[in-house]
Amino acid sequence: MTSAAPTDPAADPVPVEREASVVVETADGITRVRLNRPDAMNSLDLELKTALLAALRDAAQDPAVRCVVLTGTGRAFCVGQDLKEHVRGLARADHTLGTTVMEHYNPIVLLLATMNKPVIAALGGVAAGAGLSFALACDFRIAVEGAGLNTSFAGIALSCDSGASWSLPRLVGTAKAKELLLLPRTVPADEALALGLLTKVVPADEFEAAVDDLAHRLANGPTLAYGSIRRAVAFSAAAPLADALAHEAELMASTGASADHRAAVDAFLAKQQPTYTGT
């Protein structure tokens, strides 16, 4: 009997399972959506953009999710469009950045800005281009010391997208927004905090705890009221006073009929802390 020939490892390679470009974890009413291309500084290729949009849609539609945290793996939050993929696309006659803006970036920003629950951007590093725009669409931005913000668009001869022209002027004023867009530079975290672009800057060893504390506070709060406040602020940004007042009245009527409002009133009268259900 002859012995079997030794197996050549190269002849039958073991498939390597690639990590997902977006990792979603849900617990305690909080969905954490993590961009997961650390070797590419979480730049936005087609796979990541598609997965991110799907994850945000799921979180927005799930009544059990009462707070969303958007973050990134590694030393960057997100540096915007994957330029290597974009360069390959330029070789195609049908390629246009407007396509991905309409199909991916715009719906992502609308979900971040308008879902009926609060959203936190947790910036563990640089946020640039569309990545910065995504962060600006969130309600809160907690950044680690050493993080930086850069609009980036004009640096590669592009206009701005993902709501930068809408969010930046509302946060820092028209003049400062145009300066940051026309003369892009990396704005250090401390300066970004002073400008109003960030909610909080914390040391690296306090970063996760700071994000978790805020996420749990929001997830345990009156979700419908939070969502209504988000909508009221967004609506009033482009509405006459009379229309804003009418919109506030509608939202007040709906939240006034909520279980959370009744729980808050009952707890106030009993001198207790309310327990909210998000309904």
C-alpha atoms as a PDB file:
ATOM      1  CA  MET A   1       0.000   0.000   0.000  1.00  0.00           C
ATOM      2  CA  THR A   2       1.403   3.324  -1.012  1.00  0.00           C
ATOM      3  CA  SER A   3       1.233   6.363   1.249  1.00  0.00           C
ATOM      4  CA  ALA A   4      -0.823   9.393   0.244  1.00  0.00           C
ATOM      5  CA  ALA A   5       1.004  12.291  -1.289  1.00  0.00           C
ATOM      6  CA  PRO A   6       1.470  15.245   1.066  1.00  0.00           C
ATOM      7  CA  THR A   7      -1.107  17.960   0.704  1.00  0.00           C
ATOM      8  CA  ASP A   8       0.051  21.167  -0.923  1.00  0.00           C
ATOM      9  CA  PRO A   9      -1.381  24.037   1.162  1.00  0.00           C
ATOM     10  CA  ALA A  10      -1.195  26.398  -1.811  1.00  0.00           C
ATOM     11  CA  ALA A  11      -3.314  24.069  -3.943  1.00  0.00           C
ATOM     12  CA  ASP A  12      -6.360  24.332  -1.702  1.00  0.00           C
ATOM     13  CA  PRO A  13      -6.274  27.699   0.089  1.00  0.00           C
ATOM     14  CA  VAL A  14      -8.529  28.144   3.083  1.00  0.00           C
ATOM     15  CA  PRO A  15     -11.006  30.963   2.391  1.00  0.00           C
ATOM     16  CA  VAL A  16     -10.516  33.944   4.657  1.00  0.00           C
ATOM     17  CA  GLU A  17     -13.722  35.498   5.915  1.00  0.00           C
ATOM     18  CA  ARG A  18     -13.595  39.239   5.423  1.00  0.00           C
ATOM     19  CA  GLU A  19     -14.959  41.484   8.141  1.00  0.00           C
ATOM     20  CA  ALA A  20     -18.131  43.396   7.372  1.00  0.00           C
ATOM     21  CA  SER A  21     -17.620  46.980   6.243  1.00  0.00           C
ATOM     22  CA  VAL A  22     -20.323  48.098   8.690  1.00  0.00           C
ATOM     23  CA  VAL A  23     -20.771  46.447  12.079  1.00  0.00           C
ATOM     24  CA  VAL A  24     -24.108  46.866  13.876  1.00  0.00           C
ATOM     25  CA  GLU A  25     -24.618  46.100  17.560  1.00  0.00           C
ATOM     26  CA  THR A  26     -27.862  46.667  19.463  1.00  0.00           C
ATOM     27  CA  ALA A  27     -28.337  46.483  23.223  1.00  0.00           C
ATOM     28  CA  ASP A  28     -30.295  48.390  25.873  1.00  0.00           C
ATOM     29  CA  GLY A  29     -32.210  50.369  23.257  1.00  0.00           C
ATOM     30  CA  ILE A  30     -28.983  51.617  21.632  1.00  0.00           C
ATOM     31  CA  THR A  31     -27.852  50.690  18.132  1.00  0.00           C
ATOM     32  CA  ARG A  32     -24.174  51.256  17.449  1.00  0.00           C
ATOM     33  CA  VAL A  33     -23.314  51.507  13.777  1.00  0.00           C
ATOM     34  CA  ARG A  34     -19.559  51.220  13.229  1.00  0.00           C
ATOM     35  CA  LEU A  35     -17.818  51.965   9.941  1.00  0.00           C
ATOM     36  CA  ASN A  36     -15.282  49.188   9.621  1.00  0.00           C
ATOM     37  CA  ARG A  37     -12.622  49.865   6.985  1.00  0.00           C
ATOM     38  CA  PRO A  38      -9.808  50.928   9.316  1.00  0.00           C
ATOM     39  CA  ASP A  39      -7.029  50.304   6.770  1.00  0.00           C
ATOM     40  CA  ALA A  40      -8.767  52.819   4.465  1.00  0.00           C
ATOM     41  CA  MET A  41      -9.619  55.226   7.310  1.00  0.00           C
ATOM     42  CA  ASN A  42     -13.261  54.184   6.897  1.00  0.00           C
ATOM     43  CA  SER A  43     -13.485  55.811   3.481  1.00  0.00           C
ATOM     44  CA  LEU A  44     -16.777  55.288   1.718  1.00  0.00           C
ATOM     45  CA  ASP A  45     -16.702  52.655  -0.993  1.00  0.00           C
ATOM     46  CA  LEU A  46     -19.856  51.244  -2.561  1.00  0.00           C
ATOM     47  CA  GLU A  47     -20.083  48.299  -0.169  1.00  0.00           C
ATOM     48  CA  LEU A  48     -19.780  50.482   2.916  1.00  0.00           C
ATOM     49  CA  LYS A  49     -22.227  53.125   1.658  1.00  0.00           C
ATOM     50  CA  THR A  50     -24.817  50.490   0.816  1.00  0.00           C
ATOM     51  CA  ALA A  51     -24.433  48.725   4.155  1.00  0.00           C
ATOM     52  CA  LEU A  52     -24.527  51.993   6.107  1.00  0.00           C
ATOM     53  CA  LEU A  53     -27.745  53.093   4.422  1.00  0.00           C
ATOM     54  CA  ALA A  54     -29.368  49.725   5.163  1.00  0.00           C
ATOM     55  CA  ALA A  55     -28.236  49.799   8.814  1.00  0.00           C
ATOM     56  CA  LEU A  56     -29.593  53.293   9.375  1.00  0.00           C
ATOM     57  CA  ARG A  57     -32.917  52.413   7.740  1.00  0.00           C
ATOM     58  CA  ASP A  58     -33.258  49.406  10.026  1.00  0.00           C
ATOM     59  CA  ALA A  59     -32.430  51.454  13.120  1.00  0.00           C
ATOM     60  CA  ALA A  60     -34.835  54.236  12.148  1.00  0.00           C
ATOM     61  CA  GLN A  61     -37.701  51.800  11.637  1.00  0.00           C
ATOM     62  CA  ASP A  62     -37.125  49.678  14.751  1.00  0.00           C
ATOM     63  CA  PRO A  63     -39.241  50.983  17.672  1.00  0.00           C
ATOM     64  CA  ALA A  64     -36.989  49.132  20.117  1.00  0.00           C
ATOM     65  CA  VAL A  65     -34.054  51.342  19.087  1.00  0.00           C
ATOM     66  CA  ARG A  66     -34.186  54.591  21.062  1.00  0.00           C
ATOM     67  CA  CYS A  67     -30.727  56.006  20.316  1.00  0.00           C
ATOM     68  CA  VAL A  68     -28.219  55.521  17.488  1.00  0.00           C
ATOM     69  CA  VAL A  69     -24.445  55.900  17.773  1.00  0.00           C
ATOM     70  CA  LEU A  70     -22.427  56.299  14.564  1.00  0.00           C
ATOM     71  CA  THR A  71     -18.695  55.662  14.920  1.00  0.00           C
ATOM     72  CA  GLY A  72     -15.676  54.221  13.134  1.00  0.00           C
ATOM     73  CA  THR A  73     -13.012  51.589  13.694  1.00  0.00           C
ATOM     74  CA  GLY A  74      -9.409  52.651  14.137  1.00  0.00           C
ATOM     75  CA  ARG A  75      -7.785  56.063  13.900  1.00  0.00           C
ATOM     76  CA  ALA A  76     -10.470  57.736  11.773  1.00  0.00           C
ATOM     77  CA  PHE A  77     -14.176  58.345  12.021  1.00  0.00           C
ATOM     78  CA  CYS A  78     -14.551  58.615   8.245  1.00  0.00           C
ATOM     79  CA  VAL A  79     -12.542  60.474   5.601  1.00  0.00           C
ATOM     80  CA  GLY A  80     -15.302  60.614   2.990  1.00  0.00           C
ATOM     81  CA  GLN A  81     -15.441  59.095  -0.469  1.00  0.00           C
ATOM     82  CA  ASP A  82     -12.971  56.326  -1.289  1.00  0.00           C
ATOM     83  CA  LEU A  83     -10.889  58.151  -3.905  1.00  0.00           C
ATOM     84  CA  LYS A  84      -9.309  54.965  -5.252  1.00  0.00           C
ATOM     85  CA  GLU A  85     -12.738  53.674  -6.147  1.00  0.00           C
ATOM     86  CA  HIS A  86     -13.656  57.093  -7.521  1.00  0.00           C
ATOM     87  CA  VAL A  87     -10.580  57.184  -9.793  1.00  0.00           C
ATOM     88  CA  ARG A  88     -11.515  53.786 -11.209  1.00  0.00           C
ATOM     89  CA  GLY A  89     -15.007  55.092 -11.806  1.00  0.00           C
ATOM     90  CA  LEU A  90     -13.751  58.097 -13.741  1.00  0.00           C
ATOM     91  CA  ALA A  91     -12.713  55.732 -16.496  1.00  0.00           C
ATOM     92  CA  ARG A  92     -16.366  54.858 -17.138  1.00  0.00           C
ATOM     93  CA  ALA A  93     -18.414  57.136 -19.357  1.00  0.00           C
ATOM     94  CA  ASP A  94     -21.515  56.712 -17.182  1.00  0.00           C
ATOM     95  CA  HIS A  95     -19.741  57.536 -13.921  1.00  0.00           C
ATOM     96  CA  THR A  96     -20.701  60.632 -11.970  1.00  0.00           C
ATOM     97  CA  LEU A  97     -20.346  61.635  -8.345  1.00  0.00           C
ATOM     98  CA  GLY A  98     -23.899  62.924  -8.536  1.00  0.00           C
ATOM     99  CA  THR A  99     -25.112  59.324  -8.725  1.00  0.00           C
ATOM    100  CA  THR A 100     -23.675  58.258  -5.377  1.00  0.00           C
ATOM    101  CA  VAL A 101     -24.706  61.574  -3.815  1.00  0.00           C
ATOM    102  CA  MET A 102     -28.325  60.960  -4.785  1.00  0.00           C
ATOM    103  CA  GLU A 103     -28.374  57.208  -4.152  1.00  0.00           C
ATOM    104  CA  HIS A 104     -26.286  57.027  -0.973  1.00  0.00           C
ATOM    105  CA  TYR A 105     -25.132  60.244   0.666  1.00  0.00           C
ATOM    106  CA  ASN A 106     -28.407  62.170   0.588  1.00  0.00           C
ATOM    107  CA  PRO A 107     -30.577  59.388   2.055  1.00  0.00           C
ATOM    108  CA  ILE A 108     -27.907  58.640   4.681  1.00  0.00           C
ATOM    109  CA  VAL A 109     -27.878  62.272   5.819  1.00  0.00           C
ATOM    110  CA  LEU A 110     -31.671  62.494   5.813  1.00  0.00           C
ATOM    111  CA  LEU A 111     -31.874  59.428   8.043  1.00  0.00           C
ATOM    112  CA  LEU A 112     -29.232  60.741  10.438  1.00  0.00           C
ATOM    113  CA  ALA A 113     -30.923  64.137  10.657  1.00  0.00           C
ATOM    114  CA  THR A 114     -34.593  63.194  10.699  1.00  0.00           C
ATOM    115  CA  MET A 115     -35.120  59.732  12.203  1.00  0.00           C
ATOM    116  CA  ASN A 116     -37.509  59.943  15.135  1.00  0.00           C
ATOM    117  CA  LYS A 117     -34.814  59.272  17.739  1.00  0.00           C
ATOM    118  CA  PRO A 118     -31.551  60.966  18.753  1.00  0.00           C
ATOM    119  CA  VAL A 119     -28.234  60.233  17.019  1.00  0.00           C
ATOM    120  CA  ILE A 120     -24.692  60.577  18.378  1.00  0.00           C
ATOM    121  CA  ALA A 121     -21.535  60.783  16.274  1.00  0.00           C
ATOM    122  CA  ALA A 122     -18.581  59.320  18.177  1.00  0.00           C
ATOM    123  CA  LEU A 123     -15.405  60.641  16.566  1.00  0.00           C
ATOM    124  CA  GLY A 124     -12.410  58.536  17.496  1.00  0.00           C
ATOM    125  CA  GLY A 125     -10.266  60.323  14.935  1.00  0.00           C
ATOM    126  CA  VAL A 126     -10.395  62.464  11.829  1.00  0.00           C
ATOM    127  CA  ALA A 127     -13.705  63.276  10.110  1.00  0.00           C
ATOM    128  CA  ALA A 128     -13.375  64.675   6.591  1.00  0.00           C
ATOM    129  CA  GLY A 129     -15.467  65.299   3.501  1.00  0.00           C
ATOM    130  CA  ALA A 130     -18.739  63.386   3.528  1.00  0.00           C
ATOM    131  CA  GLY A 131     -17.607  61.799   6.793  1.00  0.00           C
ATOM    132  CA  LEU A 132     -17.640  65.214   8.441  1.00  0.00           C
ATOM    133  CA  SER A 133     -21.001  65.971   6.846  1.00  0.00           C
ATOM    134  CA  PHE A 134     -22.426  62.752   8.325  1.00  0.00           C
ATOM    135  CA  ALA A 135     -21.200  63.776  11.774  1.00  0.00           C
ATOM    136  CA  LEU A 136     -22.702  67.251  11.424  1.00  0.00           C
ATOM    137  CA  ALA A 137     -26.095  65.698  10.636  1.00  0.00           C
ATOM    138  CA  CYS A 138     -26.153  64.043  14.063  1.00  0.00           C
ATOM    139  CA  ASP A 139     -27.468  65.673  17.248  1.00  0.00           C
ATOM    140  CA  PHE A 140     -24.302  65.279  19.286  1.00  0.00           C
ATOM    141  CA  ARG A 141     -20.635  64.946  18.353  1.00  0.00           C
ATOM    142  CA  ILE A 142     -18.274  63.571  20.988  1.00  0.00           C
ATOM    143  CA  ALA A 143     -14.638  63.569  19.877  1.00  0.00           C
ATOM    144  CA  VAL A 144     -11.453  62.191  21.315  1.00  0.00           C
ATOM    145  CA  GLU A 145      -8.566  64.554  21.937  1.00  0.00           C
ATOM    146  CA  GLY A 146      -6.432  64.569  18.814  1.00  0.00           C
ATOM    147  CA  ALA A 147      -9.361  64.234  16.426  1.00  0.00           C
ATOM    148  CA  GLY A 148      -9.624  66.728  13.593  1.00  0.00           C
ATOM    149  CA  LEU A 149     -12.306  67.978  11.216  1.00  0.00           C
ATOM    150  CA  ASN A 150     -11.732  68.888   7.570  1.00  0.00           C
ATOM    151  CA  THR A 151     -14.308  69.762   4.908  1.00  0.00           C
ATOM    152  CA  SER A 152     -11.805  68.599   2.242  1.00  0.00           C
ATOM    153  CA  PHE A 153     -14.070  69.119  -0.804  1.00  0.00           C
ATOM    154  CA  ALA A 154     -12.364  72.157  -2.344  1.00  0.00           C
ATOM    155  CA  GLY A 155      -8.991  70.492  -1.804  1.00  0.00           C
ATOM    156  CA  ILE A 156      -9.846  68.061  -4.590  1.00  0.00           C
ATOM    157  CA  ALA A 157     -11.756  70.607  -6.705  1.00  0.00           C
ATOM    158  CA  LEU A 158     -15.234  69.488  -5.706  1.00  0.00           C
ATOM    159  CA  SER A 159     -18.293  71.244  -4.386  1.00  0.00           C
ATOM    160  CA  CYS A 160     -19.634  70.167  -1.005  1.00  0.00           C
ATOM    161  CA  ASP A 161     -22.168  67.402  -0.414  1.00  0.00           C
ATOM    162  CA  SER A 162     -24.005  65.412   2.237  1.00  0.00           C
ATOM    163  CA  GLY A 163     -25.589  68.514   3.715  1.00  0.00           C
ATOM    164  CA  ALA A 164     -22.405  70.466   4.462  1.00  0.00           C
ATOM    165  CA  SER A 165     -23.869  73.614   2.887  1.00  0.00           C
ATOM    166  CA  TRP A 166     -26.905  73.250   5.156  1.00  0.00           C
ATOM    167  CA  SER A 167     -25.392  72.162   8.460  1.00  0.00           C
ATOM    168  CA  LEU A 168     -22.175  74.184   8.602  1.00  0.00           C
ATOM    169  CA  PRO A 169     -23.784  77.664   8.352  1.00  0.00           C
ATOM    170  CA  ARG A 170     -26.311  76.700  11.020  1.00  0.00           C
ATOM    171  CA  LEU A 171     -23.558  75.659  13.396  1.00  0.00           C
ATOM    172  CA  VAL A 172     -20.901  78.331  12.796  1.00  0.00           C
ATOM    173  CA  GLY A 173     -22.546  81.039  10.679  1.00  0.00           C
ATOM    174  CA  THR A 174     -22.318  81.762   6.964  1.00  0.00           C
ATOM    175  CA  ALA A 175     -18.945  83.518   6.938  1.00  0.00           C
ATOM    176  CA  LYS A 176     -17.132  80.843   8.955  1.00  0.00           C
ATOM    177  CA  ALA A 177     -18.804  78.074   6.968  1.00  0.00           C
ATOM    178  CA  LYS A 178     -17.538  79.540   3.696  1.00  0.00           C
ATOM    179  CA  GLU A 179     -14.045  79.894   5.171  1.00  0.00           C
ATOM    180  CA  LEU A 180     -13.996  76.238   6.220  1.00  0.00           C
ATOM    181  CA  LEU A 181     -15.360  75.102   2.856  1.00  0.00           C
ATOM    182  CA  LEU A 182     -13.306  77.328   0.560  1.00  0.00           C
ATOM    183  CA  LEU A 183     -10.057  77.061   2.518  1.00  0.00           C
ATOM    184  CA  PRO A 184     -10.115  73.514   3.865  1.00  0.00           C
ATOM    185  CA  ARG A 185      -7.780  72.632   6.709  1.00  0.00           C
ATOM    186  CA  THR A 186      -7.789  70.197   9.576  1.00  0.00           C
ATOM    187  CA  VAL A 187      -9.478  71.921  12.507  1.00  0.00           C
ATOM    188  CA  PRO A 188      -8.174  70.510  15.822  1.00  0.00           C
ATOM    189  CA  ALA A 189     -10.748  69.144  18.250  1.00  0.00           C
ATOM    190  CA  ASP A 190     -10.363  71.972  20.778  1.00  0.00           C
ATOM    191  CA  GLU A 191     -10.913  74.627  18.105  1.00  0.00           C
ATOM    192  CA  ALA A 192     -13.842  72.680  16.679  1.00  0.00           C
ATOM    193  CA  LEU A 193     -15.364  72.596  20.156  1.00  0.00           C
ATOM    194  CA  ALA A 194     -14.979  76.364  20.517  1.00  0.00           C
ATOM    195  CA  LEU A 195     -16.594  76.876  17.097  1.00  0.00           C
ATOM    196  CA  GLY A 196     -19.607  74.799  18.080  1.00  0.00           C
ATOM    197  CA  LEU A 197     -18.834  71.919  15.713  1.00  0.00           C
ATOM    198  CA  LEU A 198     -18.380  69.472  18.586  1.00  0.00           C
ATOM    199  CA  THR A 199     -20.427  68.788  21.712  1.00  0.00           C
ATOM    200  CA  LYS A 200     -17.596  67.461  23.842  1.00  0.00           C
ATOM    201  CA  VAL A 201     -13.903  66.580  23.630  1.00  0.00           C
ATOM    202  CA  VAL A 202     -12.544  63.910  25.959  1.00  0.00           C
ATOM    203  CA  PRO A 203      -9.241  62.079  26.543  1.00  0.00           C
ATOM    204  CA  ALA A 204      -8.850  58.749  24.755  1.00  0.00           C
ATOM    205  CA  ASP A 205      -9.264  56.731  27.954  1.00  0.00           C
ATOM    206  CA  GLU A 206     -12.604  58.445  28.674  1.00  0.00           C
ATOM    207  CA  PHE A 207     -13.988  58.339  25.151  1.00  0.00           C
ATOM    208  CA  GLU A 208     -16.047  55.136  25.237  1.00  0.00           C
ATOM    209  CA  ALA A 209     -17.478  55.929  28.676  1.00  0.00           C
ATOM    210  CA  ALA A 210     -18.516  59.423  27.594  1.00  0.00           C
ATOM    211  CA  VAL A 211     -20.291  58.079  24.522  1.00  0.00           C
ATOM    212  CA  ASP A 212     -21.969  55.285  26.512  1.00  0.00           C
ATOM    213  CA  ASP A 213     -23.162  57.652  29.244  1.00  0.00           C
ATOM    214  CA  LEU A 214     -24.839  59.974  26.756  1.00  0.00           C
ATOM    215  CA  ALA A 215     -26.272  57.091  24.707  1.00  0.00           C
ATOM    216  CA  HIS A 216     -27.853  55.465  27.769  1.00  0.00           C
ATOM    217  CA  ARG A 217     -29.244  58.775  28.971  1.00  0.00           C
ATOM    218  CA  LEU A 218     -30.903  59.349  25.610  1.00  0.00           C
ATOM    219  CA  ALA A 219     -32.105  55.744  25.262  1.00  0.00           C
ATOM    220  CA  ASN A 220     -33.794  55.989  28.663  1.00  0.00           C
ATOM    221  CA  GLY A 221     -35.428  59.320  27.837  1.00  0.00           C
ATOM    222  CA  PRO A 222     -38.709  60.327  26.151  1.00  0.00           C
ATOM    223  CA  THR A 223     -37.976  59.129  22.612  1.00  0.00           C
ATOM    224  CA  LEU A 224     -41.054  60.638  20.969  1.00  0.00           C
ATOM    225  CA  ALA A 225     -40.298  64.013  22.517  1.00  0.00           C
ATOM    226  CA  TYR A 226     -36.697  63.843  21.335  1.00  0.00           C
ATOM    227  CA  GLY A 227     -37.790  62.999  17.810  1.00  0.00           C
ATOM    228  CA  SER A 228     -40.367  65.783  17.796  1.00  0.00           C
ATOM    229  CA  ILE A 229     -37.803  68.326  18.972  1.00  0.00           C
ATOM    230  CA  ARG A 230     -35.464  67.236  16.159  1.00  0.00           C
ATOM    231  CA  ARG A 231     -38.238  67.749  13.626  1.00  0.00           C
ATOM    232  CA  ALA A 232     -39.283  71.085  15.087  1.00  0.00           C
ATOM    233  CA  VAL A 233     -35.753  72.495  14.934  1.00  0.00           C
ATOM    234  CA  ALA A 234     -35.219  71.275  11.365  1.00  0.00           C
ATOM    235  CA  PHE A 235     -38.587  72.627  10.198  1.00  0.00           C
ATOM    236  CA  SER A 236     -38.131  76.039  11.778  1.00  0.00           C
ATOM    237  CA  ALA A 237     -34.753  76.528  10.070  1.00  0.00           C
ATOM    238  CA  ALA A 238     -36.519  77.280   6.791  1.00  0.00           C
ATOM    239  CA  ALA A 239     -40.034  78.269   7.901  1.00  0.00           C
ATOM    240  CA  PRO A 240     -41.726  81.587   8.709  1.00  0.00           C
ATOM    241  CA  LEU A 241     -42.536  82.089  12.384  1.00  0.00           C
ATOM    242  CA  ALA A 242     -46.260  81.458  11.901  1.00  0.00           C
ATOM    243  CA  ASP A 243     -45.587  78.123  10.190  1.00  0.00           C
ATOM    244  CA  ALA A 244     -43.065  77.127  12.849  1.00  0.00           C
ATOM    245  CA  LEU A 245     -45.610  77.904  15.569  1.00  0.00           C
ATOM    246  CA  ALA A 246     -48.265  75.827  13.821  1.00  0.00           C
ATOM    247  CA  HIS A 247     -45.836  72.934  13.434  1.00  0.00           C
ATOM    248  CA  GLU A 248     -44.912  73.156  17.124  1.00  0.00           C
ATOM    249  CA  ALA A 249     -48.609  72.979  18.024  1.00  0.00           C
ATOM    250  CA  GLU A 250     -49.014  69.762  16.011  1.00  0.00           C
ATOM    251  CA  LEU A 251     -46.020  68.172  17.691  1.00  0.00           C
ATOM    252  CA  MET A 252     -47.152  69.336  21.116  1.00  0.00           C
ATOM    253  CA  ALA A 253     -50.535  67.699  20.559  1.00  0.00           C
ATOM    254  CA  SER A 254     -48.963  64.369  19.585  1.00  0.00           C
ATOM    255  CA  THR A 255     -46.425  64.278  22.425  1.00  0.00           C
ATOM    256  CA  GLY A 256     -49.057  65.519  24.866  1.00  0.00           C
ATOM    257  CA  ALA A 257     -51.057  62.375  24.140  1.00  0.00           C
ATOM    258  CA  SER A 258     -48.073  60.051  24.643  1.00  0.00           C
ATOM    259  CA  ALA A 259     -47.552  57.518  27.411  1.00  0.00           C
ATOM    260  CA  ASP A 260     -44.205  59.136  28.200  1.00  0.00           C
ATOM    261  CA  HIS A 261     -45.852  62.507  28.880  1.00  0.00           C
ATOM    262  CA  ARG A 262     -48.352  60.886  31.258  1.00  0.00           C
ATOM    263  CA  ALA A 263     -45.513  59.040  32.994  1.00  0.00           C
ATOM    264  CA  ALA A 264     -43.554  62.290  33.383  1.00  0.00           C
ATOM    265  CA  VAL A 265     -46.529  64.164  34.845  1.00  0.00           C
ATOM    266  CA  ASP A 266     -47.410  61.338  37.229  1.00  0.00           C
ATOM    267  CA  ALA A 267     -43.787  61.072  38.369  1.00  0.00           C
ATOM    268  CA  PHE A 268     -43.594  64.838  38.887  1.00  0.00           C
ATOM    269  CA  LEU A 269     -46.699  64.825  41.096  1.00  0.00           C
ATOM    270  CA  ALA A 270     -45.371  61.838  43.041  1.00  0.00           C
ATOM    271  CA  LYS A 271     -41.926  63.457  43.329  1.00  0.00           C
ATOM    272  CA  GLN A 272     -40.325  60.459  41.632  1.00  0.00           C
ATOM    273  CA  GLN A 273     -38.145  59.908  38.604  1.00  0.00           C
ATOM    274  CA  PRO A 274     -40.177  58.911  35.510  1.00  0.00           C
ATOM    275  CA  THR A 275     -39.620  55.689  33.617  1.00  0.00           C
ATOM    276  CA  TYR A 276     -40.057  56.199  29.892  1.00  0.00           C
ATOM    277  CA  THR A 277     -41.056  53.555  27.370  1.00  0.00           C
ATOM    278  CA  GLY A 278     -40.475  55.633  24.247  1.00  0.00           C
ATOM    279  CA  THR A 279     -44.189  55.675  23.405  1.00  0.00           C
END
